[in-house]
């Protein structure tokens, strides 16, 4: 009889508590983003990066970074000739971008500063 009562109590406890479920994931709430503020921050970061590159390039006197992908190291096998001087790039994808508006990029290149 005692065993029956204990089994009933145990069954009741299991029935009441049920199986443990994984907790529901907490929904992610997003904070509204001010895209204008983000764009301004991106401009500032780009301007800072370009200023650092211009300083480094001027000091070195030789092109070491890609003019299109600002800050990326060049591959000496990837270049075009522009106004009689070689312009080096980090990847093949930068060449058509440079060719669209070369004057936009030559101001970053030491070979055009002389």
PDB file of N, CA and C in Angstrom:
ATOM      1  N   UNK A   1       0.815  -1.178   0.000  1.00  0.00           N
ATOM      2  CA  UNK A   1       0.000   0.000   0.000  1.00  0.00           C
ATOM      3  C   UNK A   1       0.867   1.253   0.000  1.00  0.00           C
ATOM      4  N   UNK A   2       1.907   1.236   0.851  1.00  0.00           N
ATOM      5  CA  UNK A   2       2.799   2.387   0.902  1.00  0.00           C
ATOM      6  C   UNK A   2       3.471   2.604  -0.451  1.00  0.00           C
ATOM      7  N   UNK A   3       3.817   1.536  -1.089  1.00  0.00           N
ATOM      8  CA  UNK A   3       4.467   1.634  -2.402  1.00  0.00           C
ATOM      9  C   UNK A   3       3.501   2.235  -3.409  1.00  0.00           C
ATOM     10  N   UNK A   4       2.246   1.836  -3.368  1.00  0.00           N
ATOM     11  CA  UNK A   4       1.242   2.379  -4.282  1.00  0.00           C
ATOM     12  C   UNK A   4       1.082   3.877  -4.072  1.00  0.00           C
ATOM     13  N   UNK A   5       1.047   4.301  -2.832  1.00  0.00           N
ATOM     14  CA  UNK A   5       0.886   5.726  -2.521  1.00  0.00           C
ATOM     15  C   UNK A   5       2.120   6.494  -3.006  1.00  0.00           C
ATOM     16  N   UNK A   6       3.289   5.921  -2.791  1.00  0.00           N
ATOM     17  CA  UNK A   6       4.523   6.579  -3.221  1.00  0.00           C
ATOM     18  C   UNK A   6       4.571   6.695  -4.739  1.00  0.00           C
ATOM     19  N   UNK A   7       4.129   5.642  -5.431  1.00  0.00           N
ATOM     20  CA  UNK A   7       4.104   5.688  -6.896  1.00  0.00           C
ATOM     21  C   UNK A   7       3.114   6.730  -7.392  1.00  0.00           C
ATOM     22  N   UNK A   8       1.954   6.816  -6.730  1.00  0.00           N
ATOM     23  CA  UNK A   8       0.966   7.825  -7.119  1.00  0.00           C
ATOM     24  C   UNK A   8       1.503   9.232  -6.886  1.00  0.00           C
ATOM     25  N   UNK A   9       2.166   9.449  -5.758  1.00  0.00           N
ATOM     26  CA  UNK A   9       2.744  10.763  -5.460  1.00  0.00           C
ATOM     27  C   UNK A   9       3.807  11.096  -6.494  1.00  0.00           C
ATOM     28  N   UNK A  10       4.658  10.147  -6.790  1.00  0.00           N
ATOM     29  CA  UNK A  10       5.713  10.348  -7.774  1.00  0.00           C
ATOM     30  C   UNK A  10       5.116  10.632  -9.145  1.00  0.00           C
ATOM     31  N   UNK A  11       4.100   9.902  -9.537  1.00  0.00           N
ATOM     32  CA  UNK A  11       3.436  10.130 -10.817  1.00  0.00           C
ATOM     33  C   UNK A  11       2.798  11.505 -10.848  1.00  0.00           C
ATOM     34  N   UNK A  12       2.248  11.931  -9.740  1.00  0.00           N
ATOM     35  CA  UNK A  12       1.641  13.254  -9.650  1.00  0.00           C
ATOM     36  C   UNK A  12       2.679  14.354  -9.806  1.00  0.00           C
ATOM     37  N   UNK A  13       3.823  14.170  -9.174  1.00  0.00           N
ATOM     38  CA  UNK A  13       4.897  15.165  -9.276  1.00  0.00           C
ATOM     39  C   UNK A  13       5.372  15.272 -10.722  1.00  0.00           C
ATOM     40  N   UNK A  14       5.558  14.128 -11.373  1.00  0.00           N
ATOM     41  CA  UNK A  14       6.012  14.133 -12.770  1.00  0.00           C
ATOM     42  C   UNK A  14       4.954  14.777 -13.655  1.00  0.00           C
ATOM     43  N   UNK A  15       3.684  14.476 -13.417  1.00  0.00           N
ATOM     44  CA  UNK A  15       2.607  15.028 -14.231  1.00  0.00           C
ATOM     45  C   UNK A  15       2.501  16.538 -14.053  1.00  0.00           C
ATOM     46  N   UNK A  16       2.654  17.021 -12.825  1.00  0.00           N
ATOM     47  CA  UNK A  16       2.537  18.449 -12.551  1.00  0.00           C
ATOM     48  C   UNK A  16       3.730  19.214 -13.124  1.00  0.00           C
ATOM     49  N   UNK A  17       4.933  18.677 -12.920  1.00  0.00           N
ATOM     50  CA  UNK A  17       6.111  19.404 -13.381  1.00  0.00           C
ATOM     51  C   UNK A  17       6.315  19.244 -14.885  1.00  0.00           C
ATOM     52  N   UNK A  18       5.889  18.144 -15.442  1.00  0.00           N
ATOM     53  CA  UNK A  18       6.032  17.923 -16.881  1.00  0.00           C
ATOM     54  C   UNK A  18       7.483  17.839 -17.301  1.00  0.00           C
ATOM     55  N   UNK A  19       7.688  17.768 -18.578  1.00  0.00           N
ATOM     56  CA  UNK A  19       9.041  17.730 -19.122  1.00  0.00           C
ATOM     57  C   UNK A  19       9.619  19.136 -19.102  1.00  0.00           C
ATOM     58  N   UNK A  20      10.895  19.210 -18.880  1.00  0.00           N
ATOM     59  CA  UNK A  20      11.541  20.520 -18.944  1.00  0.00           C
ATOM     60  C   UNK A  20      11.710  20.890 -20.404  1.00  0.00           C
ATOM     61  N   UNK A  21      11.219  22.050 -20.738  1.00  0.00           N
ATOM     62  CA  UNK A  21      11.355  22.532 -22.098  1.00  0.00           C
ATOM     63  C   UNK A  21      12.510  23.517 -22.133  1.00  0.00           C
ATOM     64  N   UNK A  22      13.092  23.627 -23.305  1.00  0.00           N
ATOM     65  CA  UNK A  22      14.115  24.659 -23.481  1.00  0.00           C
ATOM     66  C   UNK A  22      13.412  26.004 -23.415  1.00  0.00           C
ATOM     67  N   UNK A  23      14.005  26.951 -22.752  1.00  0.00           N
ATOM     68  CA  UNK A  23      13.359  28.261 -22.676  1.00  0.00           C
ATOM     69  C   UNK A  23      13.239  28.877 -24.057  1.00  0.00           C
ATOM     70  N   UNK A  24      12.170  29.606 -24.240  1.00  0.00           N
ATOM     71  CA  UNK A  24      11.969  30.295 -25.516  1.00  0.00           C
ATOM     72  C   UNK A  24      13.075  31.330 -25.683  1.00  0.00           C
ATOM     73  N   UNK A  25      13.585  31.447 -26.889  1.00  0.00           N
ATOM     74  CA  UNK A  25      14.619  32.454 -27.090  1.00  0.00           C
ATOM     75  C   UNK A  25      14.040  33.854 -26.894  1.00  0.00           C
ATOM     76  N   UNK A  26      14.858  34.701 -26.313  1.00  0.00           N
ATOM     77  CA  UNK A  26      14.433  36.074 -26.109  1.00  0.00           C
ATOM     78  C   UNK A  26      14.444  36.777 -27.447  1.00  0.00           C
ATOM     79  N   UNK A  27      13.329  37.423 -27.801  1.00  0.00           N
ATOM     80  CA  UNK A  27      13.312  38.107 -29.097  1.00  0.00           C
ATOM     81  C   UNK A  27      14.330  39.250 -29.108  1.00  0.00           C
ATOM     82  N   UNK A  28      14.957  39.415 -30.266  1.00  0.00           N
ATOM     83  CA  UNK A  28      15.938  40.476 -30.428  1.00  0.00           C
ATOM     84  C   UNK A  28      15.190  41.747 -30.794  1.00  0.00           C
ATOM     85  N   UNK A  29      15.457  42.772 -30.053  1.00  0.00           N
ATOM     86  CA  UNK A  29      14.851  44.053 -30.384  1.00  0.00           C
ATOM     87  C   UNK A  29      15.916  44.918 -31.011  1.00  0.00           C
ATOM     88  N   UNK A  30      15.547  45.583 -32.053  1.00  0.00           N
ATOM     89  CA  UNK A  30      16.495  46.434 -32.742  1.00  0.00           C
ATOM     90  C   UNK A  30      16.262  47.881 -32.387  1.00  0.00           C
ATOM     91  N   UNK A  31      17.364  48.548 -32.170  1.00  0.00           N
ATOM     92  CA  UNK A  31      17.301  49.962 -31.911  1.00  0.00           C
ATOM     93  C   UNK A  31      17.238  50.671 -33.256  1.00  0.00           C
ATOM     94  N   UNK A  32      16.361  51.650 -33.401  1.00  0.00           N
ATOM     95  CA  UNK A  32      16.312  52.362 -34.681  1.00  0.00           C
ATOM     96  C   UNK A  32      17.678  52.959 -35.012  1.00  0.00           C
ATOM     97  N   UNK A  33      18.046  52.882 -36.278  1.00  0.00           N
ATOM     98  CA  UNK A  33      19.343  53.359 -36.720  1.00  0.00           C
ATOM     99  C   UNK A  33      19.161  54.653 -37.505  1.00  0.00           C
ATOM    100  N   UNK A  34      19.968  55.616 -37.171  1.00  0.00           N
ATOM    101  CA  UNK A  34      19.974  56.888 -37.898  1.00  0.00           C
ATOM    102  C   UNK A  34      20.948  56.724 -39.060  1.00  0.00           C
ATOM    103  N   UNK A  35      20.421  56.457 -40.253  1.00  0.00           N
ATOM    104  CA  UNK A  35      21.290  56.189 -41.401  1.00  0.00           C
ATOM    105  C   UNK A  35      22.112  57.410 -41.781  1.00  0.00           C
ATOM    106  N   UNK A  36      21.594  58.574 -41.543  1.00  0.00           N
ATOM    107  CA  UNK A  36      22.364  59.789 -41.826  1.00  0.00           C
ATOM    108  C   UNK A  36      23.582  59.869 -40.940  1.00  0.00           C
ATOM    109  N   UNK A  37      23.407  59.509 -39.677  1.00  0.00           N
ATOM    110  CA  UNK A  37      24.516  59.528 -38.729  1.00  0.00           C
ATOM    111  C   UNK A  37      25.544  58.461 -39.113  1.00  0.00           C
ATOM    112  N   UNK A  38      25.071  57.306 -39.557  1.00  0.00           N
ATOM    113  CA  UNK A  38      25.980  56.246 -39.979  1.00  0.00           C
ATOM    114  C   UNK A  38      26.778  56.680 -41.204  1.00  0.00           C
ATOM    115  N   UNK A  39      26.113  57.318 -42.160  1.00  0.00           N
ATOM    116  CA  UNK A  39      26.790  57.772 -43.370  1.00  0.00           C
ATOM    117  C   UNK A  39      27.859  58.802 -43.029  1.00  0.00           C
ATOM    118  N   UNK A  40      27.546  59.694 -42.110  1.00  0.00           N
ATOM    119  CA  UNK A  40      28.509  60.716 -41.691  1.00  0.00           C
ATOM    120  C   UNK A  40      29.716  60.072 -41.020  1.00  0.00           C
ATOM    121  N   UNK A  41      29.480  59.066 -40.187  1.00  0.00           N
ATOM    122  CA  UNK A  41      30.575  58.361 -39.522  1.00  0.00           C
ATOM    123  C   UNK A  41      31.444  57.641 -40.546  1.00  0.00           C
ATOM    124  N   UNK A  42      30.818  57.054 -41.565  1.00  0.00           N
ATOM    125  CA  UNK A  42      31.566  56.360 -42.619  1.00  0.00           C
ATOM    126  C   UNK A  42      32.440  57.345 -43.393  1.00  0.00           C
ATOM    127  N   UNK A  43      31.898  58.526 -43.684  1.00  0.00           N
ATOM    128  CA  UNK A  43      32.679  59.555 -44.387  1.00  0.00           C
ATOM    129  C   UNK A  43      33.891  59.955 -43.563  1.00  0.00           C
ATOM    130  N   UNK A  44      33.679  60.153 -42.273  1.00  0.00           N
ATOM    131  CA  UNK A  44      34.778  60.549 -41.390  1.00  0.00           C
ATOM    132  C   UNK A  44      35.859  59.468 -41.363  1.00  0.00           C
ATOM    133  N   UNK A  45      35.427  58.206 -41.273  1.00  0.00           N
ATOM    134  CA  UNK A  45      36.385  57.098 -41.227  1.00  0.00           C
ATOM    135  C   UNK A  45      37.168  57.018 -42.530  1.00  0.00           C
ATOM    136  N   UNK A  46      36.478  57.208 -43.661  1.00  0.00           N
ATOM    137  CA  UNK A  46      37.146  57.166 -44.964  1.00  0.00           C
ATOM    138  C   UNK A  46      38.132  58.313 -45.099  1.00  0.00           C
ATOM    139  N   UNK A  47      37.733  59.496 -44.671  1.00  0.00           N
ATOM    140  CA  UNK A  47      38.621  60.654 -44.748  1.00  0.00           C
ATOM    141  C   UNK A  47      39.855  60.437 -43.890  1.00  0.00           C
ATOM    142  N   UNK A  48      39.673  59.879 -42.699  1.00  0.00           N
ATOM    143  CA  UNK A  48      40.815  59.594 -41.824  1.00  0.00           C
ATOM    144  C   UNK A  48      41.749  58.575 -42.475  1.00  0.00           C
ATOM    145  N   UNK A  49      41.178  57.524 -43.045  1.00  0.00           N
ATOM    146  CA  UNK A  49      41.986  56.486 -43.687  1.00  0.00           C
ATOM    147  C   UNK A  49      42.759  57.073 -44.862  1.00  0.00           C
ATOM    148  N   UNK A  50      42.102  57.899 -45.672  1.00  0.00           N
ATOM    149  CA  UNK A  50      42.777  58.494 -46.820  1.00  0.00           C
ATOM    150  C   UNK A  50      43.898  59.428 -46.379  1.00  0.00           C
ATOM    151  N   UNK A  51      43.683  60.183 -45.329  1.00  0.00           N
ATOM    152  CA  UNK A  51      44.718  61.084 -44.828  1.00  0.00           C
ATOM    153  C   UNK A  51      45.939  60.287 -44.367  1.00  0.00           C
ATOM    154  N   UNK A  52      45.708  59.178 -43.670  1.00  0.00           N
ATOM    155  CA  UNK A  52      46.819  58.345 -43.210  1.00  0.00           C
ATOM    156  C   UNK A  52      47.579  57.758 -44.394  1.00  0.00           C
ATOM    157  N   UNK A  53      46.833  57.315 -45.402  1.00  0.00           N
ATOM    158  CA  UNK A  53      47.469  56.729 -46.585  1.00  0.00           C
ATOM    159  C   UNK A  53      48.281  57.777 -47.322  1.00  0.00           C
ATOM    160  N   UNK A  54      47.720  58.969 -47.491  1.00  0.00           N
ATOM    161  CA  UNK A  54      48.438  60.033 -48.189  1.00  0.00           C
ATOM    162  C   UNK A  54      49.734  60.362 -47.462  1.00  0.00           C
ATOM    163  N   UNK A  55      49.697  60.392 -46.156  1.00  0.00           N
ATOM    164  CA  UNK A  55      50.900  60.679 -45.373  1.00  0.00           C
ATOM    165  C   UNK A  55      51.927  59.570 -45.554  1.00  0.00           C
ATOM    166  N   UNK A  56      51.478  58.322 -45.470  1.00  0.00           N
ATOM    167  CA  UNK A  56      52.377  57.182 -45.618  1.00  0.00           C
ATOM    168  C   UNK A  56      52.967  57.134 -47.019  1.00  0.00           C
ATOM    169  N   UNK A  57      52.128  57.352 -48.019  1.00  0.00           N
ATOM    170  CA  UNK A  57      52.569  57.300 -49.406  1.00  0.00           C
ATOM    171  C   UNK A  57      53.575  58.404 -49.679  1.00  0.00           C
ATOM    172  N   UNK A  58      53.302  59.590 -49.207  1.00  0.00           N
ATOM    173  CA  UNK A  58      54.207  60.703 -49.440  1.00  0.00           C
ATOM    174  C   UNK A  58      55.563  60.433 -48.799  1.00  0.00           C
ATOM    175  N   UNK A  59      55.545  59.836 -47.621  1.00  0.00           N
ATOM    176  CA  UNK A  59      56.793  59.539 -46.926  1.00  0.00           C
ATOM    177  C   UNK A  59      57.574  58.449 -47.652  1.00  0.00           C
ATOM    178  N   UNK A  60      56.895  57.470 -48.158  1.00  0.00           N
ATOM    179  CA  UNK A  60      57.557  56.343 -48.799  1.00  0.00           C
ATOM    180  C   UNK A  60      58.006  56.679 -50.216  1.00  0.00           C
ATOM    181  N   UNK A  61      57.227  57.484 -50.934  1.00  0.00           N
ATOM    182  CA  UNK A  61      57.576  57.841 -52.305  1.00  0.00           C
ATOM    183  C   UNK A  61      57.277  56.755 -53.315  1.00  0.00           C
ATOM    184  N   UNK A  62      56.715  55.651 -52.883  1.00  0.00           N
ATOM    185  CA  UNK A  62      56.402  54.543 -53.780  1.00  0.00           C
ATOM    186  C   UNK A  62      55.013  54.032 -53.446  1.00  0.00           C
ATOM    187  N   UNK A  63      54.262  53.654 -54.467  1.00  0.00           N
ATOM    188  CA  UNK A  63      52.906  53.161 -54.240  1.00  0.00           C
ATOM    189  C   UNK A  63      52.955  51.807 -53.539  1.00  0.00           C
ATOM    190  N   UNK A  64      52.285  51.723 -52.399  1.00  0.00           N
ATOM    191  CA  UNK A  64      52.243  50.465 -51.649  1.00  0.00           C
ATOM    192  C   UNK A  64      50.818  49.993 -51.397  1.00  0.00           C
ATOM    193  N   UNK A  65      49.843  50.896 -51.591  1.00  0.00           N
ATOM    194  CA  UNK A  65      48.445  50.530 -51.343  1.00  0.00           C
ATOM    195  C   UNK A  65      47.594  50.801 -52.573  1.00  0.00           C
ATOM    196  N   UNK A  66      46.502  50.081 -52.659  1.00  0.00           N
ATOM    197  CA  UNK A  66      45.570  50.199 -53.777  1.00  0.00           C
ATOM    198  C   UNK A  66      44.820  51.526 -53.670  1.00  0.00           C
ATOM    199  N   UNK A  67      44.730  52.284 -54.759  1.00  0.00           N
ATOM    200  CA  UNK A  67      44.004  53.545 -54.703  1.00  0.00           C
ATOM    201  C   UNK A  67      42.485  53.360 -54.614  1.00  0.00           C
ATOM    202  N   UNK A  68      41.980  52.230 -55.063  1.00  0.00           N
ATOM    203  CA  UNK A  68      40.532  51.993 -55.053  1.00  0.00           C
ATOM    204  C   UNK A  68      40.097  51.426 -53.704  1.00  0.00           C
ATOM    205  N   UNK A  69      40.738  50.365 -53.263  1.00  0.00           N
ATOM    206  CA  UNK A  69      40.440  49.747 -51.969  1.00  0.00           C
ATOM    207  C   UNK A  69      41.430  50.324 -50.972  1.00  0.00           C
ATOM    208  N   UNK A  70      41.162  51.503 -50.549  1.00  0.00           N
ATOM    209  CA  UNK A  70      42.078  52.300 -49.742  1.00  0.00           C
ATOM    210  C   UNK A  70      42.651  51.476 -48.589  1.00  0.00           C
ATOM    211  N   UNK A  71      43.979  51.407 -48.553  1.00  0.00           N
ATOM    212  CA  UNK A  71      44.654  50.722 -47.465  1.00  0.00           C
ATOM    213  C   UNK A  71      45.077  49.294 -47.754  1.00  0.00           C
ATOM    214  N   UNK A  72      44.551  48.692 -48.797  1.00  0.00           N
ATOM    215  CA  UNK A  72      44.915  47.297 -49.108  1.00  0.00           C
ATOM    216  C   UNK A  72      46.234  47.263 -49.867  1.00  0.00           C
ATOM    217  N   UNK A  73      47.055  46.292 -49.571  1.00  0.00           N
ATOM    218  CA  UNK A  73      48.353  46.142 -50.216  1.00  0.00           C
ATOM    219  C   UNK A  73      48.183  45.822 -51.700  1.00  0.00           C
ATOM    220  N   UNK A  74      49.107  46.324 -52.504  1.00  0.00           N
ATOM    221  CA  UNK A  74      49.038  46.097 -53.950  1.00  0.00           C
ATOM    222  C   UNK A  74      49.653  44.769 -54.339  1.00  0.00           C
ATOM    223  N   UNK A  75      49.281  44.317 -55.529  1.00  0.00           N
ATOM    224  CA  UNK A  75      49.881  43.154 -56.170  1.00  0.00           C
ATOM    225  C   UNK A  75      50.622  43.721 -57.377  1.00  0.00           C
ATOM    226  N   UNK A  76      51.938  43.619 -57.383  1.00  0.00           N
ATOM    227  CA  UNK A  76      52.753  44.225 -58.454  1.00  0.00           C
ATOM    228  C   UNK A  76      52.462  43.621 -59.828  1.00  0.00           C
ATOM    229  N   UNK A  77      51.714  42.526 -59.873  1.00  0.00           N
ATOM    230  CA  UNK A  77      51.353  41.921 -61.151  1.00  0.00           C
ATOM    231  C   UNK A  77      50.070  42.520 -61.725  1.00  0.00           C
ATOM    232  N   UNK A  78      49.356  43.312 -60.931  1.00  0.00           N
ATOM    233  CA  UNK A  78      48.096  43.904 -61.374  1.00  0.00           C
ATOM    234  C   UNK A  78      48.274  45.414 -61.503  1.00  0.00           C
ATOM    235  N   UNK A  79      48.342  45.894 -62.728  1.00  0.00           N
ATOM    236  CA  UNK A  79      48.543  47.321 -62.929  1.00  0.00           C
ATOM    237  C   UNK A  79      47.987  47.757 -64.280  1.00  0.00           C
ATOM    238  N   UNK A  80      47.801  49.038 -64.413  1.00  0.00           N
ATOM    239  CA  UNK A  80      47.503  49.668 -65.707  1.00  0.00           C
ATOM    240  C   UNK A  80      48.477  50.825 -65.851  1.00  0.00           C
ATOM    241  N   UNK A  81      48.690  51.240 -67.081  1.00  0.00           N
ATOM    242  CA  UNK A  81      49.510  52.423 -67.303  1.00  0.00           C
ATOM    243  C   UNK A  81      48.572  53.597 -67.515  1.00  0.00           C
ATOM    244  N   UNK A  82      48.816  54.644 -66.772  1.00  0.00           N
ATOM    245  CA  UNK A  82      48.009  55.860 -66.872  1.00  0.00           C
ATOM    246  C   UNK A  82      48.969  57.036 -66.955  1.00  0.00           C
ATOM    247  N   UNK A  83      48.854  57.792 -68.019  1.00  0.00           N
ATOM    248  CA  UNK A  83      49.734  58.942 -68.269  1.00  0.00           C
ATOM    249  C   UNK A  83      51.204  58.537 -68.161  1.00  0.00           C
ATOM    250  N   UNK A  84      51.509  57.352 -68.712  1.00  0.00           N
ATOM    251  CA  UNK A  84      52.887  56.890 -68.771  1.00  0.00           C
ATOM    252  C   UNK A  84      53.426  56.314 -67.476  1.00  0.00           C
ATOM    253  N   UNK A  85      52.602  56.166 -66.473  1.00  0.00           N
ATOM    254  CA  UNK A  85      53.062  55.636 -65.186  1.00  0.00           C
ATOM    255  C   UNK A  85      52.209  54.434 -64.793  1.00  0.00           C
ATOM    256  N   UNK A  86      52.831  53.476 -64.121  1.00  0.00           N
ATOM    257  CA  UNK A  86      52.098  52.292 -63.675  1.00  0.00           C
ATOM    258  C   UNK A  86      51.323  52.607 -62.406  1.00  0.00           C
ATOM    259  N   UNK A  87      50.072  52.127 -62.404  1.00  0.00           N
ATOM    260  CA  UNK A  87      49.215  52.228 -61.220  1.00  0.00           C
ATOM    261  C   UNK A  87      48.879  50.797 -60.819  1.00  0.00           C
ATOM    262  N   UNK A  88      49.245  50.446 -59.588  1.00  0.00           N
ATOM    263  CA  UNK A  88      49.076  49.078 -59.107  1.00  0.00           C
ATOM    264  C   UNK A  88      47.788  48.940 -58.285  1.00  0.00           C
ATOM    265  N   UNK A  89      47.249  47.707 -58.263  1.00  0.00           N
ATOM    266  CA  UNK A  89      45.986  47.429 -57.579  1.00  0.00           C
ATOM    267  C   UNK A  89      46.101  46.175 -56.718  1.00  0.00           C
ATOM    268  N   UNK A  90      45.133  46.022 -55.811  1.00  0.00           N
ATOM    269  CA  UNK A  90      45.118  44.846 -54.937  1.00  0.00           C
ATOM    270  C   UNK A  90      44.446  43.648 -55.609  1.00  0.00           C
ATOM    271  N   UNK A  91      43.504  43.917 -56.532  1.00  0.00           N
ATOM    272  CA  UNK A  91      42.786  42.823 -57.195  1.00  0.00           C
ATOM    273  C   UNK A  91      42.305  43.282 -58.571  1.00  0.00           C
ATOM    274  N   UNK A  92      41.905  42.339 -59.393  1.00  0.00           N
ATOM    275  CA  UNK A  92      41.456  42.649 -60.747  1.00  0.00           C
ATOM    276  C   UNK A  92      40.206  43.518 -60.762  1.00  0.00           C
ATOM    277  N   UNK A  93      39.369  43.384 -59.746  1.00  0.00           N
ATOM    278  CA  UNK A  93      38.126  44.150 -59.689  1.00  0.00           C
ATOM    279  C   UNK A  93      38.329  45.647 -59.545  1.00  0.00           C
ATOM    280  N   UNK A  94      39.487  46.061 -59.070  1.00  0.00           N
ATOM    281  CA  UNK A  94      39.755  47.493 -58.876  1.00  0.00           C
ATOM    282  C   UNK A  94      40.106  48.202 -60.184  1.00  0.00           C
ATOM    283  N   UNK A  95      40.599  47.466 -61.159  1.00  0.00           N
ATOM    284  CA  UNK A  95      41.041  48.087 -62.402  1.00  0.00           C
ATOM    285  C   UNK A  95      39.884  48.777 -63.137  1.00  0.00           C
ATOM    286  N   UNK A  96      38.740  48.114 -63.358  1.00  0.00           N
ATOM    287  CA  UNK A  96      37.647  48.815 -64.048  1.00  0.00           C
ATOM    288  C   UNK A  96      37.122  50.009 -63.248  1.00  0.00           C
ATOM    289  N   UNK A  97      37.157  49.895 -61.936  1.00  0.00           N
ATOM    290  CA  UNK A  97      36.699  51.004 -61.090  1.00  0.00           C
ATOM    291  C   UNK A  97      37.632  52.209 -61.266  1.00  0.00           C
ATOM    292  N   UNK A  98      38.914  51.954 -61.299  1.00  0.00           N
ATOM    293  CA  UNK A  98      39.895  53.020 -61.528  1.00  0.00           C
ATOM    294  C   UNK A  98      39.681  53.648 -62.901  1.00  0.00           C
ATOM    295  N   UNK A  99      39.467  52.808 -63.911  1.00  0.00           N
ATOM    296  CA  UNK A  99      39.315  53.302 -65.282  1.00  0.00           C
ATOM    297  C   UNK A  99      38.074  54.168 -65.479  1.00  0.00           C
ATOM    298  N   UNK A 100      37.072  54.022 -64.632  1.00  0.00           N
ATOM    299  CA  UNK A 100      35.868  54.861 -64.733  1.00  0.00           C
ATOM    300  C   UNK A 100      36.191  56.330 -64.488  1.00  0.00           C
ATOM    301  N   UNK A 101      37.091  56.596 -63.520  1.00  0.00           N
ATOM    302  CA  UNK A 101      37.429  57.973 -63.155  1.00  0.00           C
ATOM    303  C   UNK A 101      38.833  58.016 -62.558  1.00  0.00           C
ATOM    304  N   UNK A 102      39.864  57.886 -63.401  1.00  0.00           N
ATOM    305  CA  UNK A 102      41.235  57.813 -62.891  1.00  0.00           C
ATOM    306  C   UNK A 102      41.659  59.035 -62.085  1.00  0.00           C
ATOM    307  N   UNK A 103      41.213  60.205 -62.473  1.00  0.00           N
ATOM    308  CA  UNK A 103      41.624  61.432 -61.785  1.00  0.00           C
ATOM    309  C   UNK A 103      41.175  61.442 -60.321  1.00  0.00           C
ATOM    310  N   UNK A 104      40.122  60.727 -60.035  1.00  0.00           N
ATOM    311  CA  UNK A 104      39.634  60.616 -58.658  1.00  0.00           C
ATOM    312  C   UNK A 104      40.675  59.930 -57.769  1.00  0.00           C
ATOM    313  N   UNK A 105      41.454  59.038 -58.358  1.00  0.00           N
ATOM    314  CA  UNK A 105      42.382  58.213 -57.598  1.00  0.00           C
ATOM    315  C   UNK A 105      43.834  58.666 -57.658  1.00  0.00           C
ATOM    316  N   UNK A 106      44.241  59.373 -58.722  1.00  0.00           N
ATOM    317  CA  UNK A 106      45.662  59.699 -58.871  1.00  0.00           C
ATOM    318  C   UNK A 106      46.175  60.611 -57.773  1.00  0.00           C
ATOM    319  N   UNK A 107      45.293  61.373 -57.131  1.00  0.00           N
ATOM    320  CA  UNK A 107      45.742  62.248 -56.039  1.00  0.00           C
ATOM    321  C   UNK A 107      46.276  61.455 -54.848  1.00  0.00           C
ATOM    322  N   UNK A 108      45.948  60.161 -54.793  1.00  0.00           N
ATOM    323  CA  UNK A 108      46.436  59.301 -53.711  1.00  0.00           C
ATOM    324  C   UNK A 108      47.746  58.607 -54.066  1.00  0.00           C
ATOM    325  N   UNK A 109      48.203  58.777 -55.293  1.00  0.00           N
ATOM    326  CA  UNK A 109      49.342  58.013 -55.754  1.00  0.00           C
ATOM    327  C   UNK A 109      50.628  58.839 -55.792  1.00  0.00           C
ATOM    328  N   UNK A 110      51.695  58.305 -55.184  1.00  0.00           N
ATOM    329  CA  UNK A 110      52.943  59.064 -55.123  1.00  0.00           C
ATOM    330  C   UNK A 110      53.572  59.292 -56.490  1.00  0.00           C
ATOM    331  N   UNK A 111      53.355  58.394 -57.432  1.00  0.00           N
ATOM    332  CA  UNK A 111      53.958  58.567 -58.749  1.00  0.00           C
ATOM    333  C   UNK A 111      53.383  59.756 -59.515  1.00  0.00           C
ATOM    334  N   UNK A 112      52.270  60.283 -59.041  1.00  0.00           N
ATOM    335  CA  UNK A 112      51.673  61.461 -59.673  1.00  0.00           C
ATOM    336  C   UNK A 112      51.882  62.722 -58.839  1.00  0.00           C
ATOM    337  N   UNK A 113      52.604  62.620 -57.740  1.00  0.00           N
ATOM    338  CA  UNK A 113      52.865  63.763 -56.883  1.00  0.00           C
ATOM    339  C   UNK A 113      54.169  64.456 -57.255  1.00  0.00           C
ATOM    340  N   UNK A 114      54.964  63.849 -58.088  1.00  0.00           N
ATOM    341  CA  UNK A 114      56.289  64.391 -58.404  1.00  0.00           C
ATOM    342  C   UNK A 114      56.226  65.448 -59.488  1.00  0.00           C
TER     343      UNK A 114
END
